[in-house]
């Protein structure tokens, strides 16, 4: 299946662990969509970049979420316990328990925690002038929110920040290393949350996001439950950090769109949707064929790693008009930032609440939100799209 399309030698930057954040990832994606929308890299992995193909793969039951060699490589790795790598009954049990607080009236219980964090980091702590917003509030708010919702002591939040940074890098270096049997940040974080879960179950009251904890432990055991609380803590804030930074980056660099938003605050939800499409925090989703199958005219082998490039699919001009522009009055079209099918992101509602609430508070707080030359630095990470630094000029 291996091809030699134009510019293929430049595509090696998409390989996990080798991405340079200063490069234009979207030019690379455009070339891949045009020349080889299903591309087998020299190292054997298959990359899928066109919207229709990525969307179809996300719902294809012949593509497994579970790495086929995980059990052989790392029988004791906490990572292999994570919901995103589960199938069948285990996946159903974990998802049902973790989703419980997000269902129906549960969402209203999350808002006070979001408002508390916003008041702390925007309402009373943020200042005018040139501000590095990733540290000031884009990271601080989601960290505090997820910590409070999981009952993590404030003094332990720096632990979550350190583990999350390490896990973000770990998940981008490739599965052989990520599932290595040596201890890593996932194991450390999982051990912390296993102990945390035990203490919570011994107490009289559960945190708002863990009302499903007793059922989770009953169905999968304390250790697997602890691993998935670590997943909830990591994914429940890390992607929101990048979403917030990306959102403010694009608003600051599209003053005409920011003016539209100020004139019509109801567009806040569309700002969120457009940011997720244009700058998807999760750029890659991995799948493994359960048997030989065909995709886009190419044959995939059983167990071969298939990398679905959501960031490329969400800028596909065959799906989105003027796909590389940040446009708030864009005609509705579903993006794939939260995935699709059985493994759609369970924390979507919380991310949406946080993003819209932070944006609304920022618009009230500052009448000026402008970019600073050289103020943006993107992460050197091909799996997560976000800003390591974003300096903006803010004024009341």
Protein backbone atom coordinates (compact mmCIF):
# COMPACT_ATOMS: atom_id res chain seq x y z
CA UNK A 1 0.00 0.00 0.00
CA UNK A 2 2.97 2.32 0.43
CA UNK A 3 2.95 5.28 -1.92
CA UNK A 4 5.51 7.92 -2.80
CA UNK A 5 3.36 11.04 -3.18
CA UNK A 6 4.74 14.49 -3.75
CA UNK A 7 6.27 15.95 -0.60
CA UNK A 8 6.16 12.65 1.29
CA UNK A 9 9.66 13.19 2.67
CA UNK A 10 8.33 16.21 4.56
CA UNK A 11 5.52 14.22 6.14
CA UNK A 12 7.76 12.47 8.64
CA UNK A 13 7.10 15.41 10.96
CA UNK A 14 3.72 13.87 11.70
CA UNK A 15 5.39 10.94 13.42
CA UNK A 16 4.78 10.81 17.16
CA UNK A 17 7.57 12.40 19.13
CA UNK A 18 9.10 14.29 16.20
CA UNK A 19 6.74 17.21 15.58
CA UNK A 20 8.11 20.76 15.54
CA UNK A 21 5.46 23.19 16.77
CA UNK A 22 6.99 26.06 14.78
CA UNK A 23 6.11 24.28 11.50
CA UNK A 24 2.77 24.66 9.71
CA UNK A 25 1.04 21.36 10.40
CA UNK A 26 -1.93 22.33 8.25
CA UNK A 27 0.07 22.66 5.04
CA UNK A 28 1.24 19.11 5.65
CA UNK A 29 -2.36 17.99 6.23
CA UNK A 30 -3.48 19.68 3.01
CA UNK A 31 -0.84 17.80 1.02
CA UNK A 32 -1.83 14.51 2.63
CA UNK A 33 -5.56 15.00 1.93
CA UNK A 34 -4.82 15.82 -1.69
CA UNK A 35 -2.09 13.33 -2.53
CA UNK A 36 -2.61 10.38 -0.18
CA UNK A 37 -5.67 10.59 2.12
CA UNK A 38 -4.80 7.06 3.27
CA UNK A 39 -1.03 7.00 3.62
CA UNK A 40 1.22 4.25 4.95
CA UNK A 41 4.33 5.80 6.44
CA UNK A 42 7.77 4.23 6.04
CA UNK A 43 7.56 3.10 9.68
CA UNK A 44 4.37 1.13 8.90
CA UNK A 45 1.59 3.20 10.51
CA UNK A 46 -1.33 4.31 8.35
CA UNK A 47 -2.55 7.92 8.45
CA UNK A 48 -6.07 8.96 7.40
CA UNK A 49 -6.66 12.64 6.69
CA UNK A 50 -9.85 13.18 4.67
CA UNK A 51 -13.04 14.02 6.58
CA UNK A 52 -15.30 11.35 5.09
CA UNK A 53 -12.74 8.61 5.72
CA UNK A 54 -11.93 9.71 9.28
CA UNK A 55 -15.63 10.01 10.15
CA UNK A 56 -16.34 6.55 8.75
CA UNK A 57 -13.42 5.03 10.68
CA UNK A 58 -14.60 6.52 13.98
CA UNK A 59 -17.86 4.56 13.66
CA UNK A 60 -16.45 1.39 12.09
CA UNK A 61 -16.76 -1.55 14.49
CA UNK A 62 -14.05 -3.42 12.56
CA UNK A 63 -11.54 -0.91 13.91
CA UNK A 64 -10.75 -1.65 17.53
CA UNK A 65 -9.95 0.88 20.25
CA UNK A 66 -7.73 -1.61 22.07
CA UNK A 67 -4.05 -1.88 21.05
CA UNK A 68 -3.60 -5.55 20.10
CA UNK A 69 -0.17 -5.92 21.70
CA UNK A 70 -0.79 -3.91 24.87
CA UNK A 71 -1.21 -6.98 27.07
CA UNK A 72 2.06 -8.46 25.82
CA UNK A 73 4.08 -5.27 26.05
CA UNK A 74 2.94 -4.05 29.44
CA UNK A 75 0.71 -6.40 31.40
CA UNK A 76 0.81 -4.07 34.43
CA UNK A 77 0.58 -0.67 32.71
CA UNK A 78 -2.16 1.56 34.13
CA UNK A 79 -2.57 3.07 30.67
CA UNK A 80 -4.10 -0.10 29.26
CA UNK A 81 -6.89 0.23 31.87
CA UNK A 82 -8.05 3.55 30.42
CA UNK A 83 -11.56 3.79 29.00
CA UNK A 84 -10.29 4.95 25.60
CA UNK A 85 -8.49 1.61 25.12
CA UNK A 86 -11.38 -0.63 26.20
CA UNK A 87 -13.94 -2.65 24.26
CA UNK A 88 -17.13 -4.54 25.13
CA UNK A 89 -18.51 -4.88 28.64
CA UNK A 90 -15.57 -3.23 30.38
CA UNK A 91 -15.93 -0.16 28.18
CA UNK A 92 -19.68 -0.06 28.81
CA UNK A 93 -19.28 -0.33 32.60
CA UNK A 94 -16.60 2.36 32.85
CA UNK A 95 -18.38 4.76 30.52
CA UNK A 96 -21.72 4.38 32.32
CA UNK A 97 -20.13 5.16 35.69
CA UNK A 98 -18.11 8.13 34.48
CA UNK A 99 -20.97 9.57 32.42
CA UNK A 100 -23.47 9.56 35.27
CA UNK A 101 -22.71 13.11 36.51
CA UNK A 102 -22.91 14.53 32.98
CA UNK A 103 -26.43 13.23 32.37
CA UNK A 104 -29.52 15.45 32.48
CA UNK A 105 -29.66 17.68 35.58
CA UNK A 106 -26.11 16.83 36.53
CA UNK A 107 -24.75 19.63 34.32
CA UNK A 108 -26.27 22.37 36.47
CA UNK A 109 -24.25 21.08 39.43
CA UNK A 110 -21.00 21.68 37.54
CA UNK A 111 -21.51 25.41 36.86
CA UNK A 112 -20.75 26.74 40.37
CA UNK A 113 -17.30 25.13 40.26
CA UNK A 114 -16.59 26.72 36.88
CA UNK A 115 -17.78 30.14 38.06
CA UNK A 116 -15.66 29.86 41.22
CA UNK A 117 -12.50 29.19 39.20
CA UNK A 118 -13.30 31.98 36.74
CA UNK A 119 -13.82 34.47 39.55
CA UNK A 120 -10.50 33.46 41.08
CA UNK A 121 -8.41 33.67 37.92
CA UNK A 122 -10.21 36.29 35.81
CA UNK A 123 -12.58 38.23 38.06
CA UNK A 124 -10.07 39.06 40.77
CA UNK A 125 -6.59 37.96 39.74
CA UNK A 126 -6.10 38.94 36.08
CA UNK A 127 -4.58 42.32 35.20
CA UNK A 128 -4.48 44.64 32.20
CA UNK A 129 -1.47 44.85 29.90
CA UNK A 130 0.52 42.13 28.17
CA UNK A 131 -0.52 38.86 29.80
CA UNK A 132 0.62 35.30 29.22
CA UNK A 133 -2.86 33.82 29.32
CA UNK A 134 -1.96 30.11 29.31
CA UNK A 135 -0.49 30.43 32.79
CA UNK A 136 -2.82 33.23 33.92
CA UNK A 137 -6.10 31.43 33.29
CA UNK A 138 -6.25 29.05 30.30
CA UNK A 139 -4.47 26.36 32.35
CA UNK A 140 -5.30 27.51 35.87
CA UNK A 141 -9.09 27.46 35.45
CA UNK A 142 -9.51 23.90 34.05
CA UNK A 143 -7.01 22.53 36.59
CA UNK A 144 -8.93 24.03 39.49
CA UNK A 145 -12.29 22.95 38.08
CA UNK A 146 -11.33 19.30 37.58
CA UNK A 147 -9.59 19.21 40.93
CA UNK A 148 -12.65 20.50 42.77
CA UNK A 149 -15.01 18.22 40.86
CA UNK A 150 -12.89 15.18 41.75
CA UNK A 151 -12.33 16.20 45.35
CA UNK A 152 -8.57 16.71 44.94
CA UNK A 153 -7.08 18.97 47.65
CA UNK A 154 -5.91 22.34 46.32
CA UNK A 155 -2.39 21.61 47.60
CA UNK A 156 -2.25 18.56 45.29
CA UNK A 157 -3.13 20.47 42.08
CA UNK A 158 0.56 20.97 41.20
CA UNK A 159 0.85 17.17 41.14
CA UNK A 160 -1.92 17.00 38.51
CA UNK A 161 -0.19 19.67 36.46
CA UNK A 162 3.12 17.81 36.49
CA UNK A 163 1.60 14.44 35.69
CA UNK A 164 -0.51 15.91 32.89
CA UNK A 165 2.49 17.51 31.20
CA UNK A 166 4.35 14.19 31.33
CA UNK A 167 1.36 12.18 30.07
CA UNK A 168 0.83 14.60 27.19
CA UNK A 169 4.38 13.91 26.06
CA UNK A 170 4.12 10.19 26.78
CA UNK A 171 1.06 9.79 24.57
CA UNK A 172 2.90 11.45 21.70
CA UNK A 173 6.01 9.27 21.65
CA UNK A 174 4.38 6.13 20.25
CA UNK A 175 2.65 3.11 21.72
CA UNK A 176 5.71 0.90 22.22
CA UNK A 177 7.08 3.45 24.68
CA UNK A 178 3.74 4.59 26.11
CA UNK A 179 2.84 1.00 27.03
CA UNK A 180 6.33 0.22 28.30
CA UNK A 181 6.40 -1.81 31.47
CA UNK A 182 8.52 0.78 33.27
CA UNK A 183 6.71 3.09 35.68
CA UNK A 184 5.63 6.38 34.18
CA UNK A 185 3.39 9.36 34.99
CA UNK A 186 0.24 7.37 34.16
CA UNK A 187 1.14 4.77 36.76
CA UNK A 188 1.98 7.42 39.35
CA UNK A 189 -1.21 9.36 38.73
CA UNK A 190 -3.27 6.16 38.75
CA UNK A 191 -1.77 5.09 42.08
CA UNK A 192 -2.69 8.47 43.53
CA UNK A 193 -6.28 8.20 42.32
CA UNK A 194 -6.61 4.58 43.42
CA UNK A 195 -5.78 5.70 46.95
CA UNK A 196 -8.02 8.75 46.51
CA UNK A 197 -10.94 6.52 45.43
CA UNK A 198 -10.45 4.24 48.43
CA UNK A 199 -10.56 7.20 50.83
CA UNK A 200 -13.66 8.63 49.13
CA UNK A 201 -15.52 5.34 49.43
CA UNK A 202 -14.68 5.26 53.13
CA UNK A 203 -16.16 8.74 53.59
CA UNK A 204 -19.75 9.92 53.73
CA UNK A 205 -19.93 12.13 50.64
CA UNK A 206 -18.68 11.83 47.07
CA UNK A 207 -17.45 14.72 44.88
CA UNK A 208 -19.92 15.89 42.25
CA UNK A 209 -18.07 14.21 39.37
CA UNK A 210 -17.72 10.86 41.12
CA UNK A 211 -21.28 9.91 41.97
CA UNK A 212 -20.76 6.80 39.83
CA UNK A 213 -17.65 5.70 41.75
CA UNK A 214 -19.28 2.91 43.83
CA UNK A 215 -20.69 1.25 40.71
CA UNK A 216 -17.38 1.69 38.90
CA UNK A 217 -15.41 -0.03 41.66
CA UNK A 218 -17.99 -2.79 41.93
CA UNK A 219 -17.84 -3.51 38.20
CA UNK A 220 -14.12 -3.19 37.43
CA UNK A 221 -12.30 -3.12 40.78
CA UNK A 222 -10.46 -0.39 42.66
CA UNK A 223 -7.25 -0.42 40.59
CA UNK A 224 -8.97 -0.08 37.21
CA UNK A 225 -11.28 2.54 38.71
CA UNK A 226 -8.27 4.52 39.94
CA UNK A 227 -6.68 4.38 36.49
CA UNK A 228 -9.84 5.80 34.97
CA UNK A 229 -10.09 8.58 37.54
CA UNK A 230 -6.58 9.49 36.41
CA UNK A 231 -7.86 9.53 32.82
CA UNK A 232 -10.78 11.72 33.88
CA UNK A 233 -8.42 14.11 35.66
CA UNK A 234 -6.03 14.27 32.70
CA UNK A 235 -8.46 14.41 29.79
CA UNK A 236 -11.00 16.41 31.81
CA UNK A 237 -8.73 19.43 31.91
CA UNK A 238 -5.76 19.03 29.54
CA UNK A 239 -7.80 19.32 26.34
CA UNK A 240 -9.80 22.22 27.81
CA UNK A 241 -6.55 24.07 28.51
CA UNK A 242 -5.69 23.85 24.82
CA UNK A 243 -9.23 24.70 23.76
CA UNK A 244 -9.15 27.93 25.77
CA UNK A 245 -5.74 28.97 24.50
CA UNK A 246 -6.65 28.18 20.90
CA UNK A 247 -9.93 30.08 21.23
CA UNK A 248 -8.28 33.27 22.45
CA UNK A 249 -5.51 32.96 19.87
CA UNK A 250 -8.00 32.95 17.00
CA UNK A 251 -10.24 35.64 18.42
CA UNK A 252 -7.28 37.95 19.02
CA UNK A 253 -6.03 37.36 15.47
CA UNK A 254 -9.46 37.83 13.85
CA UNK A 255 -10.61 41.25 15.10
CA UNK A 256 -13.58 41.33 12.73
CA UNK A 257 -14.87 38.08 14.21
CA UNK A 258 -14.26 39.35 17.74
CA UNK A 259 -16.30 42.45 16.88
CA UNK A 260 -19.15 40.22 15.66
CA UNK A 261 -19.04 38.34 18.96
CA UNK A 262 -19.15 41.53 21.02
CA UNK A 263 -22.13 42.70 18.98
CA UNK A 264 -23.87 39.35 19.46
CA UNK A 265 -22.73 37.45 22.60
CA UNK A 266 -25.00 34.55 21.57
CA UNK A 267 -22.23 33.65 19.10
CA UNK A 268 -20.13 32.33 22.00
CA UNK A 269 -21.24 28.76 21.27
CA UNK A 270 -20.22 29.21 17.64
CA UNK A 271 -16.80 30.49 18.75
CA UNK A 272 -16.38 27.23 20.62
CA UNK A 273 -17.47 25.11 17.65
CA UNK A 274 -15.24 26.97 15.22
CA UNK A 275 -12.23 26.73 17.52
CA UNK A 276 -12.73 23.00 17.95
CA UNK A 277 -12.93 22.59 14.18
CA UNK A 278 -10.06 24.85 13.21
CA UNK A 279 -7.66 23.93 16.02
CA UNK A 280 -8.76 20.56 17.40
CA UNK A 281 -7.06 19.98 20.79
CA UNK A 282 -6.90 16.23 20.08
CA UNK A 283 -5.26 15.87 16.68
CA UNK A 284 -4.98 12.08 16.51
CA UNK A 285 -7.20 9.14 17.40
CA UNK A 286 -5.80 5.64 17.00
CA UNK A 287 -7.54 2.46 15.88
CA UNK A 288 -6.46 -1.12 15.03
CA UNK A 289 -8.18 -3.36 12.43
CA UNK A 290 -9.60 -6.57 13.87
CA UNK A 291 -8.92 -8.24 10.53
CA UNK A 292 -7.82 -7.45 6.99
CA UNK A 293 -10.01 -4.67 5.59
CA UNK A 294 -10.19 -2.08 2.83
CA UNK A 295 -10.09 1.68 3.37
CA UNK A 296 -10.10 4.27 0.63
CA UNK A 297 -8.88 1.74 -1.91
CA UNK A 298 -6.07 0.46 0.30
CA UNK A 299 -5.73 -2.75 2.30
CA UNK A 300 -5.20 -2.54 6.05
CA UNK A 301 -3.75 -5.51 7.89
CA UNK A 302 -5.02 -6.89 11.18
CA UNK A 303 -3.46 -5.06 14.13
CA UNK A 304 -1.88 -2.34 11.99
CA UNK A 305 -1.90 1.07 13.69
CA UNK A 306 -4.33 3.43 11.95
CA UNK A 307 -3.96 7.09 12.94
CA UNK A 308 -7.07 9.19 12.32
CA UNK A 309 -6.01 12.80 11.83
CA UNK A 310 -8.95 14.75 13.25
CA UNK A 311 -7.05 18.00 12.82
CA UNK A 312 -6.74 17.33 9.09
CA UNK A 313 -10.34 16.13 8.69
CA UNK A 314 -11.71 19.23 10.38
CA UNK A 315 -10.02 21.44 7.78
CA UNK A 316 -11.11 19.40 4.78
CA UNK A 317 -12.34 21.85 2.09
CA UNK A 318 -14.63 19.13 0.73
CA UNK A 319 -16.55 19.39 4.01
CA UNK A 320 -16.00 22.99 5.14
CA UNK A 321 -16.05 26.08 2.92
CA UNK A 322 -12.96 28.28 3.44
CA UNK A 323 -11.77 25.59 5.78
CA UNK A 324 -8.64 27.40 7.00
CA UNK A 325 -10.49 30.55 8.10
CA UNK A 326 -11.99 31.34 11.51
CA UNK A 327 -15.60 32.23 10.59
CA UNK A 328 -18.35 32.59 13.20
CA UNK A 329 -21.30 32.63 10.84
CA UNK A 330 -20.23 29.42 9.14
CA UNK A 331 -23.04 27.09 8.04
CA UNK A 332 -23.44 24.28 10.62
CA UNK A 333 -21.41 21.14 9.92
CA UNK A 334 -20.30 18.57 12.47
CA UNK A 335 -16.61 18.59 13.34
CA UNK A 336 -14.80 15.57 14.75
CA UNK A 337 -12.94 17.21 17.63
CA UNK A 338 -14.78 15.15 20.24
CA UNK A 339 -14.74 11.98 18.16
CA UNK A 340 -17.80 10.07 17.03
CA UNK A 341 -19.51 6.78 17.79
CA UNK A 342 -19.21 4.75 20.99
CA UNK A 343 -16.03 6.51 22.08
CA UNK A 344 -17.23 10.10 21.74
CA UNK A 345 -15.72 12.25 24.51
CA UNK A 346 -17.70 11.90 27.75
CA UNK A 347 -16.43 15.25 29.06
CA UNK A 348 -17.74 17.27 26.13
CA UNK A 349 -20.43 19.03 28.18
CA UNK A 350 -17.96 20.16 30.85
CA UNK A 351 -15.52 21.49 28.22
CA UNK A 352 -18.32 23.43 26.54
CA UNK A 353 -19.51 24.93 29.84
CA UNK A 354 -15.98 26.00 30.74
CA UNK A 355 -15.14 27.48 27.34
CA UNK A 356 -18.33 29.51 26.96
CA UNK A 357 -18.20 30.70 30.58
CA UNK A 358 -14.54 31.75 30.35
CA UNK A 359 -15.17 33.55 27.07
CA UNK A 360 -18.20 35.39 28.48
CA UNK A 361 -16.23 36.47 31.56
CA UNK A 362 -13.27 37.64 29.46
CA UNK A 363 -15.49 39.76 27.22
CA UNK A 364 -16.92 41.43 30.32
CA UNK A 365 -13.48 41.94 31.84
CA UNK A 366 -11.58 43.25 28.83
CA UNK A 367 -12.66 45.58 26.02
CA UNK A 368 -9.36 44.96 24.22
CA UNK A 369 -7.98 41.51 23.38
CA UNK A 370 -5.11 41.82 20.91
CA UNK A 371 -2.17 39.67 19.79
CA UNK A 372 1.42 40.51 20.64
CA UNK A 373 4.04 39.95 17.95
CA UNK A 374 5.94 36.76 18.70
CA UNK A 375 3.69 36.04 21.65
CA UNK A 376 2.44 32.63 20.50
CA UNK A 377 4.44 29.42 20.83
CA UNK A 378 2.83 26.09 19.90
CA UNK A 379 3.57 22.82 21.66
CA UNK A 380 6.00 20.42 19.99
CA UNK A 381 3.36 17.71 20.04
CA UNK A 382 1.66 16.02 17.10
CA UNK A 383 -1.14 14.49 19.18
CA UNK A 384 -2.32 17.54 21.14
CA UNK A 385 -2.70 20.93 19.51
CA UNK A 386 -2.21 23.75 21.95
CA UNK A 387 -0.13 26.72 22.96
CA UNK A 388 2.81 26.47 25.29
CA UNK A 389 2.68 30.27 25.55
CA UNK A 390 0.23 32.95 24.41
CA UNK A 391 0.88 36.59 25.26
CA UNK A 392 -2.05 38.91 24.56
CA UNK A 393 -2.60 42.61 25.13
CA UNK A 394 -5.57 42.98 27.45
CA UNK A 395 -7.29 46.23 28.50
CA UNK A 396 -10.46 47.01 30.40
